Amino acid sequence: MAFSLRNLSVLAYANGFTLWHYKSGTDPLARAITKGYFADAADLLAAGDMVMLTASEGGKIATIAGAGKGISLAPLC
């Protein structure tokens, strides 16, 4: 399964920071943190935003790194 904008939602927003949630469906966490996976949402995501990822094998918290179509996630835990 590829990235789906429908599975990305805002949990909180304040002072230019957004906390997101993304449910990866059948994609494993390792795929969801690869460079370019979130490219279709690059215009919504900003460096430093955080994403709570949910996948079939568990979850991760990550921060947005990079910009534009090369956007990627840097896992925090």
Protein backbone atom coordinates (compact mmCIF):
# COMPACT_ATOMS: atom_id res chain seq x y z
CA MET A 1 0.00 0.00 0.00
CA ALA A 2 1.26 3.49 -0.81
CA PHE A 3 0.85 6.66 1.25
CA SER A 4 -2.78 7.71 1.58
CA LEU A 5 -3.62 11.32 2.46
CA ARG A 6 -6.91 10.04 3.85
CA ASN A 7 -4.98 8.27 6.66
CA LEU A 8 -3.19 11.46 7.80
CA SER A 9 -4.91 13.62 10.41
CA VAL A 10 -4.09 16.57 12.65
CA LEU A 11 -4.20 15.85 16.37
CA ALA A 12 -3.04 19.27 17.62
CA TYR A 13 -1.75 22.56 16.24
CA ALA A 14 -0.17 25.50 18.10
CA ASN A 15 2.46 28.16 17.41
CA GLY A 16 3.33 26.80 13.96
CA PHE A 17 3.77 23.23 15.23
CA THR A 18 1.49 20.36 14.19
CA LEU A 19 1.13 16.94 15.78
CA TRP A 20 -0.09 14.42 13.21
CA HIS A 21 -1.35 10.85 13.27
CA TYR A 22 -0.85 8.50 10.32
CA LYS A 23 -2.26 4.99 10.02
CA SER A 24 -0.07 3.12 7.54
CA GLY A 25 -2.56 0.39 6.74
CA THR A 26 -0.64 -2.63 5.48
CA ASP A 27 2.68 -0.76 5.10
CA PRO A 28 5.20 -1.64 7.83
CA LEU A 29 6.72 1.12 9.96
CA ALA A 30 10.05 0.73 8.15
CA ARG A 31 8.38 1.69 4.85
CA ALA A 32 6.50 4.65 6.34
CA ILE A 33 9.72 6.32 7.49
CA THR A 34 11.51 6.07 4.14
CA LYS A 35 12.46 9.22 2.24
CA GLY A 36 9.67 10.35 -0.07
CA TYR A 37 6.90 8.22 1.48
CA PHE A 38 5.09 11.39 2.66
CA ALA A 39 5.86 13.34 -0.55
CA ASP A 40 2.17 13.71 -1.44
CA ALA A 41 1.67 15.61 1.84
CA ALA A 42 4.82 17.74 1.57
CA ASP A 43 2.75 20.94 1.26
CA LEU A 44 1.06 20.18 4.62
CA LEU A 45 4.02 19.00 6.69
CA ALA A 46 6.74 21.27 8.10
CA ALA A 47 10.20 20.45 9.41
CA GLY A 48 9.92 19.85 13.15
CA ASP A 49 6.30 18.67 13.07
CA MET A 50 5.77 15.33 14.78
CA VAL A 51 3.92 12.28 13.50
CA MET A 52 2.51 9.44 15.55
CA LEU A 53 2.62 6.41 13.23
CA THR A 54 0.41 3.38 13.64
CA ALA A 55 1.10 0.16 11.73
CA SER A 56 0.13 -3.49 12.04
CA GLU A 57 3.31 -4.29 14.00
CA GLY A 58 3.10 -1.34 16.42
CA GLY A 59 3.71 2.37 16.52
CA LYS A 60 6.43 5.03 16.42
CA ILE A 61 6.77 8.71 17.05
CA ALA A 62 8.82 10.61 14.47
CA THR A 63 9.69 14.15 13.50
CA ILE A 64 9.54 15.62 10.00
CA ALA A 65 12.94 16.01 8.36
CA GLY A 66 13.71 17.43 4.95
CA ALA A 67 11.39 19.40 2.74
CA GLY A 68 9.46 19.13 -0.49
CA LYS A 69 9.22 15.79 -2.28
CA GLY A 70 12.30 14.48 -0.40
CA ILE A 71 10.53 14.80 2.94
CA SER A 72 11.18 11.99 5.41
CA LEU A 73 10.60 11.07 9.03
CA ALA A 74 13.28 10.77 11.69
CA PRO A 75 12.11 8.29 14.36
CA LEU A 76 12.22 9.54 17.95
CA CYS A 77 11.21 6.29 19.61
